[in-house]
Amino acid sequence: MLTVEEIDQMSLVQKLQVMESLWESITHHEEEYLSPAWHEQVLKETETSFANGQEVAVDWKKAKQELRKLFE
């Protein structure tokens, strides 16, 4: 396991890669995790905003590329 000190020594890109790997690992076992009740409400609000044209869909791969450009 990584210590806080080891994480502090990592570059931002390395930290983001570790976070992405952790997220991927978690999603492979999503049946083990329950979302908090407020998630449903937020999702409903976002769905309504999207339906009303207040939210814009962005391809996830493209979004990740754009975010990586900001932090390189």
PDB file of N, CA and C in Angstrom:
ATOM      1  N   MET A   1       0.846  -1.174   0.000  1.00  0.00           N
ATOM      2  CA  MET A   1       0.000   0.000   0.000  1.00  0.00           C
ATOM      3  C   MET A   1       0.893   1.240   0.000  1.00  0.00           C
ATOM      4  N   LEU A   2       0.430   2.249  -0.687  1.00  0.00           N
ATOM      5  CA  LEU A   2       1.174   3.503  -0.743  1.00  0.00           C
ATOM      6  C   LEU A   2       0.915   4.331   0.504  1.00  0.00           C
ATOM      7  N   THR A   3       1.959   4.972   0.972  1.00  0.00           N
ATOM      8  CA  THR A   3       1.804   5.891   2.093  1.00  0.00           C
ATOM      9  C   THR A   3       1.516   7.286   1.552  1.00  0.00           C
ATOM     10  N   VAL A   4       1.057   8.171   2.409  1.00  0.00           N
ATOM     11  CA  VAL A   4       0.796   9.556   2.012  1.00  0.00           C
ATOM     12  C   VAL A   4       2.089  10.190   1.511  1.00  0.00           C
ATOM     13  N   GLU A   5       3.183   9.886   2.165  1.00  0.00           N
ATOM     14  CA  GLU A   5       4.480  10.454   1.755  1.00  0.00           C
ATOM     15  C   GLU A   5       4.858   9.992   0.347  1.00  0.00           C
ATOM     16  N   GLU A   6       4.598   8.712   0.046  1.00  0.00           N
ATOM     17  CA  GLU A   6       4.904   8.209  -1.300  1.00  0.00           C
ATOM     18  C   GLU A   6       3.994   8.864  -2.339  1.00  0.00           C
ATOM     19  N   ILE A   7       2.744   9.037  -1.987  1.00  0.00           N
ATOM     20  CA  ILE A   7       1.805   9.688  -2.910  1.00  0.00           C
ATOM     21  C   ILE A   7       2.226  11.131  -3.155  1.00  0.00           C
ATOM     22  N   ASP A   8       2.678  11.820  -2.101  1.00  0.00           N
ATOM     23  CA  ASP A   8       3.129  13.206  -2.254  1.00  0.00           C
ATOM     24  C   ASP A   8       4.300  13.329  -3.218  1.00  0.00           C
ATOM     25  N   GLN A   9       5.086  12.276  -3.345  1.00  0.00           N
ATOM     26  CA  GLN A   9       6.252  12.295  -4.232  1.00  0.00           C
ATOM     27  C   GLN A   9       5.886  12.033  -5.697  1.00  0.00           C
ATOM     28  N   MET A  10       4.673  11.595  -5.932  1.00  0.00           N
ATOM     29  CA  MET A  10       4.240  11.279  -7.292  1.00  0.00           C
ATOM     30  C   MET A  10       3.883  12.557  -8.045  1.00  0.00           C
ATOM     31  N   SER A  11       4.056  12.496  -9.354  1.00  0.00           N
ATOM     32  CA  SER A  11       3.621  13.620 -10.189  1.00  0.00           C
ATOM     33  C   SER A  11       2.098  13.605 -10.275  1.00  0.00           C
ATOM     34  N   LEU A  12       1.537  14.701 -10.710  1.00  0.00           N
ATOM     35  CA  LEU A  12       0.091  14.788 -10.858  1.00  0.00           C
ATOM     36  C   LEU A  12      -0.412  13.739 -11.842  1.00  0.00           C
ATOM     37  N   VAL A  13       0.315  13.542 -12.928  1.00  0.00           N
ATOM     38  CA  VAL A  13      -0.077  12.546 -13.927  1.00  0.00           C
ATOM     39  C   VAL A  13      -0.089  11.154 -13.292  1.00  0.00           C
ATOM     40  N   GLN A  14       0.922  10.832 -12.502  1.00  0.00           N
ATOM     41  CA  GLN A  14       0.965   9.530 -11.832  1.00  0.00           C
ATOM     42  C   GLN A  14      -0.209   9.377 -10.864  1.00  0.00           C
ATOM     43  N   LYS A  15      -0.511  10.416 -10.121  1.00  0.00           N
ATOM     44  CA  LYS A  15      -1.634  10.364  -9.175  1.00  0.00           C
ATOM     45  C   LYS A  15      -2.944  10.121  -9.920  1.00  0.00           C
ATOM     46  N   LEU A  16      -3.139  10.802 -11.030  1.00  0.00           N
ATOM     47  CA  LEU A  16      -4.358  10.616 -11.808  1.00  0.00           C
ATOM     48  C   LEU A  16      -4.441   9.209 -12.386  1.00  0.00           C
ATOM     49  N   GLN A  17      -3.302   8.662 -12.803  1.00  0.00           N
ATOM     50  CA  GLN A  17      -3.286   7.297 -13.320  1.00  0.00           C
ATOM     51  C   GLN A  17      -3.651   6.295 -12.231  1.00  0.00           C
ATOM     52  N   VAL A  18      -3.145   6.510 -11.020  1.00  0.00           N
ATOM     53  CA  VAL A  18      -3.485   5.634  -9.902  1.00  0.00           C
ATOM     54  C   VAL A  18      -4.973   5.755  -9.581  1.00  0.00           C
ATOM     55  N   MET A  19      -5.488   6.978  -9.579  1.00  0.00           N
ATOM     56  CA  MET A  19      -6.915   7.176  -9.309  1.00  0.00           C
ATOM     57  C   MET A  19      -7.765   6.458 -10.361  1.00  0.00           C
ATOM     58  N   GLU A  20      -7.353   6.552 -11.609  1.00  0.00           N
ATOM     59  CA  GLU A  20      -8.097   5.904 -12.680  1.00  0.00           C
ATOM     60  C   GLU A  20      -8.058   4.386 -12.513  1.00  0.00           C
ATOM     61  N   SER A  21      -6.907   3.846 -12.135  1.00  0.00           N
ATOM     62  CA  SER A  21      -6.789   2.407 -11.894  1.00  0.00           C
ATOM     63  C   SER A  21      -7.656   1.966 -10.723  1.00  0.00           C
ATOM     64  N   LEU A  22      -7.665   2.766  -9.664  1.00  0.00           N
ATOM     65  CA  LEU A  22      -8.518   2.454  -8.516  1.00  0.00           C
ATOM     66  C   LEU A  22      -9.987   2.444  -8.920  1.00  0.00           C
ATOM     67  N   TRP A  23     -10.387   3.447  -9.664  1.00  0.00           N
ATOM     68  CA  TRP A  23     -11.776   3.534 -10.092  1.00  0.00           C
ATOM     69  C   TRP A  23     -12.152   2.331 -10.948  1.00  0.00           C
ATOM     70  N   GLU A  24     -11.257   1.942 -11.853  1.00  0.00           N
ATOM     71  CA  GLU A  24     -11.519   0.780 -12.707  1.00  0.00           C
ATOM     72  C   GLU A  24     -11.681  -0.478 -11.853  1.00  0.00           C
ATOM     73  N   SER A  25     -10.830  -0.636 -10.856  1.00  0.00           N
ATOM     74  CA  SER A  25     -10.916  -1.783  -9.962  1.00  0.00           C
ATOM     75  C   SER A  25     -12.234  -1.786  -9.193  1.00  0.00           C
ATOM     76  N   ILE A  26     -12.636  -0.627  -8.707  1.00  0.00           N
ATOM     77  CA  ILE A  26     -13.886  -0.520  -7.956  1.00  0.00           C
ATOM     78  C   ILE A  26     -15.076  -0.879  -8.836  1.00  0.00           C
ATOM     79  N   THR A  27     -15.073  -0.411 -10.071  1.00  0.00           N
ATOM     80  CA  THR A  27     -16.222  -0.655 -10.938  1.00  0.00           C
ATOM     81  C   THR A  27     -16.336  -2.115 -11.364  1.00  0.00           C
ATOM     82  N   HIS A  28     -15.265  -2.876 -11.233  1.00  0.00           N
ATOM     83  CA  HIS A  28     -15.340  -4.307 -11.529  1.00  0.00           C
ATOM     84  C   HIS A  28     -16.078  -5.063 -10.430  1.00  0.00           C
ATOM     85  N   HIS A  29     -16.280  -4.424  -9.296  1.00  0.00           N
ATOM     86  CA  HIS A  29     -16.953  -5.044  -8.162  1.00  0.00           C
ATOM     87  C   HIS A  29     -18.079  -4.143  -7.653  1.00  0.00           C
ATOM     88  N   GLU A  30     -18.744  -3.462  -8.568  1.00  0.00           N
ATOM     89  CA  GLU A  30     -19.732  -2.457  -8.176  1.00  0.00           C
ATOM     90  C   GLU A  30     -20.901  -3.022  -7.388  1.00  0.00           C
ATOM     91  N   GLU A  31     -21.179  -4.302  -7.542  1.00  0.00           N
ATOM     92  CA  GLU A  31     -22.294  -4.885  -6.786  1.00  0.00           C
ATOM     93  C   GLU A  31     -22.020  -4.888  -5.279  1.00  0.00           C
ATOM     94  N   GLU A  32     -20.773  -4.696  -4.888  1.00  0.00           N
ATOM     95  CA  GLU A  32     -20.409  -4.674  -3.474  1.00  0.00           C
ATOM     96  C   GLU A  32     -20.646  -3.302  -2.833  1.00  0.00           C
ATOM     97  N   TYR A  33     -20.894  -2.292  -3.643  1.00  0.00           N
ATOM     98  CA  TYR A  33     -20.994  -0.932  -3.138  1.00  0.00           C
ATOM     99  C   TYR A  33     -22.391  -0.368  -3.357  1.00  0.00           C
ATOM    100  N   LEU A  34     -22.910   0.271  -2.369  1.00  0.00           N
ATOM    101  CA  LEU A  34     -24.200   0.934  -2.484  1.00  0.00           C
ATOM    102  C   LEU A  34     -23.990   2.438  -2.557  1.00  0.00           C
ATOM    103  N   SER A  35     -24.664   3.069  -3.499  1.00  0.00           N
ATOM    104  CA  SER A  35     -24.572   4.519  -3.613  1.00  0.00           C
ATOM    105  C   SER A  35     -25.392   5.166  -2.503  1.00  0.00           C
ATOM    106  N   PRO A  36     -24.932   6.323  -2.030  1.00  0.00           N
ATOM    107  CA  PRO A  36     -25.733   7.046  -1.040  1.00  0.00           C
ATOM    108  C   PRO A  36     -27.064   7.491  -1.663  1.00  0.00           C
ATOM    109  N   ALA A  37     -28.067   7.643  -0.839  1.00  0.00           N
ATOM    110  CA  ALA A  37     -29.403   7.999  -1.318  1.00  0.00           C
ATOM    111  C   ALA A  37     -29.412   9.299  -2.122  1.00  0.00           C
ATOM    112  N   TRP A  38     -28.560  10.270  -1.748  1.00  0.00           N
ATOM    113  CA  TRP A  38     -28.582  11.555  -2.437  1.00  0.00           C
ATOM    114  C   TRP A  38     -28.114  11.439  -3.893  1.00  0.00           C
ATOM    115  N   HIS A  39     -27.395  10.363  -4.245  1.00  0.00           N
ATOM    116  CA  HIS A  39     -26.948  10.191  -5.632  1.00  0.00           C
ATOM    117  C   HIS A  39     -28.140  10.137  -6.586  1.00  0.00           C
ATOM    118  N   GLU A  40     -29.203   9.420  -6.177  1.00  0.00           N
ATOM    119  CA  GLU A  40     -30.369   9.305  -7.043  1.00  0.00           C
ATOM    120  C   GLU A  40     -30.973  10.677  -7.333  1.00  0.00           C
ATOM    121  N   GLN A  41     -31.054  11.511  -6.316  1.00  0.00           N
ATOM    122  CA  GLN A  41     -31.617  12.851  -6.495  1.00  0.00           C
ATOM    123  C   GLN A  41     -30.760  13.681  -7.453  1.00  0.00           C
ATOM    124  N   VAL A  42     -29.455  13.630  -7.280  1.00  0.00           N
ATOM    125  CA  VAL A  42     -28.550  14.393  -8.148  1.00  0.00           C
ATOM    126  C   VAL A  42     -28.654  13.889  -9.578  1.00  0.00           C
ATOM    127  N   LEU A  43     -28.730  12.582  -9.755  1.00  0.00           N
ATOM    128  CA  LEU A  43     -28.868  12.028 -11.105  1.00  0.00           C
ATOM    129  C   LEU A  43     -30.173  12.473 -11.760  1.00  0.00           C
ATOM    130  N   LYS A  44     -31.252  12.491 -10.996  1.00  0.00           N
ATOM    131  CA  LYS A  44     -32.539  12.958 -11.528  1.00  0.00           C
ATOM    132  C   LYS A  44     -32.457  14.424 -11.941  1.00  0.00           C
ATOM    133  N   GLU A  45     -31.793  15.242 -11.114  1.00  0.00           N
ATOM    134  CA  GLU A  45     -31.640  16.661 -11.446  1.00  0.00           C
ATOM    135  C   GLU A  45     -30.823  16.838 -12.725  1.00  0.00           C
ATOM    136  N   THR A  46     -29.758  16.058 -12.854  1.00  0.00           N
ATOM    137  CA  THR A  46     -28.922  16.142 -14.049  1.00  0.00           C
ATOM    138  C   THR A  46     -29.700  15.676 -15.273  1.00  0.00           C
ATOM    139  N   GLU A  47     -30.463  14.604 -15.116  1.00  0.00           N
ATOM    140  CA  GLU A  47     -31.274  14.104 -16.223  1.00  0.00           C
ATOM    141  C   GLU A  47     -32.276  15.160 -16.688  1.00  0.00           C
ATOM    142  N   THR A  48     -32.894  15.840 -15.749  1.00  0.00           N
ATOM    143  CA  THR A  48     -33.849  16.908 -16.078  1.00  0.00           C
ATOM    144  C   THR A  48     -33.132  18.057 -16.783  1.00  0.00           C
ATOM    145  N   SER A  49     -31.977  18.458 -16.267  1.00  0.00           N
ATOM    146  CA  SER A  49     -31.206  19.543 -16.892  1.00  0.00           C
ATOM    147  C   SER A  49     -30.805  19.168 -18.311  1.00  0.00           C
ATOM    148  N   PHE A  50     -30.409  17.924 -18.506  1.00  0.00           N
ATOM    149  CA  PHE A  50     -30.009  17.459 -19.837  1.00  0.00           C
ATOM    150  C   PHE A  50     -31.206  17.497 -20.783  1.00  0.00           C
ATOM    151  N   ALA A  51     -32.346  17.020 -20.303  1.00  0.00           N
ATOM    152  CA  ALA A  51     -33.562  17.007 -21.128  1.00  0.00           C
ATOM    153  C   ALA A  51     -33.993  18.419 -21.507  1.00  0.00           C
ATOM    154  N   ASN A  52     -33.720  19.384 -20.623  1.00  0.00           N
ATOM    155  CA  ASN A  52     -34.081  20.788 -20.886  1.00  0.00           C
ATOM    156  C   ASN A  52     -33.004  21.536 -21.670  1.00  0.00           C
ATOM    157  N   GLY A  53     -31.937  20.848 -22.050  1.00  0.00           N
ATOM    158  CA  GLY A  53     -30.866  21.477 -22.820  1.00  0.00           C
ATOM    159  C   GLY A  53     -29.893  22.288 -21.989  1.00  0.00           C
ATOM    160  N   GLN A  54     -29.949  22.159 -20.665  1.00  0.00           N
ATOM    161  CA  GLN A  54     -29.047  22.909 -19.792  1.00  0.00           C
ATOM    162  C   GLN A  54     -27.720  22.174 -19.563  1.00  0.00           C
ATOM    163  N   GLU A  55     -27.677  20.898 -19.914  1.00  0.00           N
ATOM    164  CA  GLU A  55     -26.465  20.086 -19.803  1.00  0.00           C
ATOM    165  C   GLU A  55     -26.102  19.584 -21.187  1.00  0.00           C
ATOM    166  N   VAL A  56     -24.813  19.421 -21.446  1.00  0.00           N
ATOM    167  CA  VAL A  56     -24.345  18.928 -22.736  1.00  0.00           C
ATOM    168  C   VAL A  56     -23.546  17.657 -22.507  1.00  0.00           C
ATOM    169  N   ALA A  57     -23.852  16.628 -23.292  1.00  0.00           N
ATOM    170  CA  ALA A  57     -23.123  15.366 -23.184  1.00  0.00           C
ATOM    171  C   ALA A  57     -21.751  15.507 -23.836  1.00  0.00           C
ATOM    172  N   VAL A  58     -20.744  14.917 -23.195  1.00  0.00           N
ATOM    173  CA  VAL A  58     -19.387  14.907 -23.721  1.00  0.00           C
ATOM    174  C   VAL A  58     -18.894  13.473 -23.708  1.00  0.00           C
ATOM    175  N   ASP A  59     -18.301  13.034 -24.797  1.00  0.00           N
ATOM    176  CA  ASP A  59     -17.728  11.697 -24.875  1.00  0.00           C
ATOM    177  C   ASP A  59     -16.665  11.539 -23.783  1.00  0.00           C
ATOM    178  N   TRP A  60     -16.728  10.451 -23.014  1.00  0.00           N
ATOM    179  CA  TRP A  60     -15.832  10.261 -21.874  1.00  0.00           C
ATOM    180  C   TRP A  60     -14.362  10.225 -22.304  1.00  0.00           C
ATOM    181  N   LYS A  61     -14.057   9.557 -23.399  1.00  0.00           N
ATOM    182  CA  LYS A  61     -12.657   9.507 -23.856  1.00  0.00           C
ATOM    183  C   LYS A  61     -12.152  10.907 -24.195  1.00  0.00           C
ATOM    184  N   LYS A  62     -12.986  11.677 -24.854  1.00  0.00           N
ATOM    185  CA  LYS A  62     -12.605  13.041 -25.205  1.00  0.00           C
ATOM    186  C   LYS A  62     -12.453  13.889 -23.947  1.00  0.00           C
ATOM    187  N   ALA A  63     -13.364  13.724 -22.997  1.00  0.00           N
ATOM    188  CA  ALA A  63     -13.294  14.482 -21.743  1.00  0.00           C
ATOM    189  C   ALA A  63     -11.992  14.171 -21.006  1.00  0.00           C
ATOM    190  N   LYS A  64     -11.617  12.896 -20.938  1.00  0.00           N
ATOM    191  CA  LYS A  64     -10.369  12.519 -20.261  1.00  0.00           C
ATOM    192  C   LYS A  64      -9.159  13.128 -20.967  1.00  0.00           C
ATOM    193  N   GLN A  65      -9.173  13.124 -22.288  1.00  0.00           N
ATOM    194  CA  GLN A  65      -8.064  13.721 -23.040  1.00  0.00           C
ATOM    195  C   GLN A  65      -7.937  15.207 -22.732  1.00  0.00           C
ATOM    196  N   GLU A  66      -9.063  15.899 -22.715  1.00  0.00           N
ATOM    197  CA  GLU A  66      -9.051  17.332 -22.421  1.00  0.00           C
ATOM    198  C   GLU A  66      -8.567  17.602 -20.998  1.00  0.00           C
ATOM    199  N   LEU A  67      -9.005  16.807 -20.047  1.00  0.00           N
ATOM    200  CA  LEU A  67      -8.550  16.974 -18.661  1.00  0.00           C
ATOM    201  C   LEU A  67      -7.057  16.700 -18.540  1.00  0.00           C
ATOM    202  N   ARG A  68      -6.583  15.674 -19.218  1.00  0.00           N
ATOM    203  CA  ARG A  68      -5.145  15.367 -19.161  1.00  0.00           C
ATOM    204  C   ARG A  68      -4.314  16.515 -19.729  1.00  0.00           C
ATOM    205  N   LYS A  69      -4.803  17.156 -20.783  1.00  0.00           N
ATOM    206  CA  LYS A  69      -4.087  18.294 -21.357  1.00  0.00           C
ATOM    207  C   LYS A  69      -3.933  19.410 -20.317  1.00  0.00           C
ATOM    208  N   LEU A  70      -4.954  19.601 -19.499  1.00  0.00           N
ATOM    209  CA  LEU A  70      -4.908  20.650 -18.481  1.00  0.00           C
ATOM    210  C   LEU A  70      -3.860  20.390 -17.413  1.00  0.00           C
ATOM    211  N   PHE A  71      -3.574  19.118 -17.149  1.00  0.00           N
ATOM    212  CA  PHE A  71      -2.713  18.767 -16.027  1.00  0.00           C
ATOM    213  C   PHE A  71      -1.341  18.239 -16.433  1.00  0.00           C
ATOM    214  N   GLU A  72      -1.007  18.258 -17.689  1.00  0.00           N
ATOM    215  CA  GLU A  72       0.316  17.796 -18.119  1.00  0.00           C
ATOM    216  C   GLU A  72       1.348  18.862 -17.945  1.00  0.00           C
TER     217      GLU A  72
END
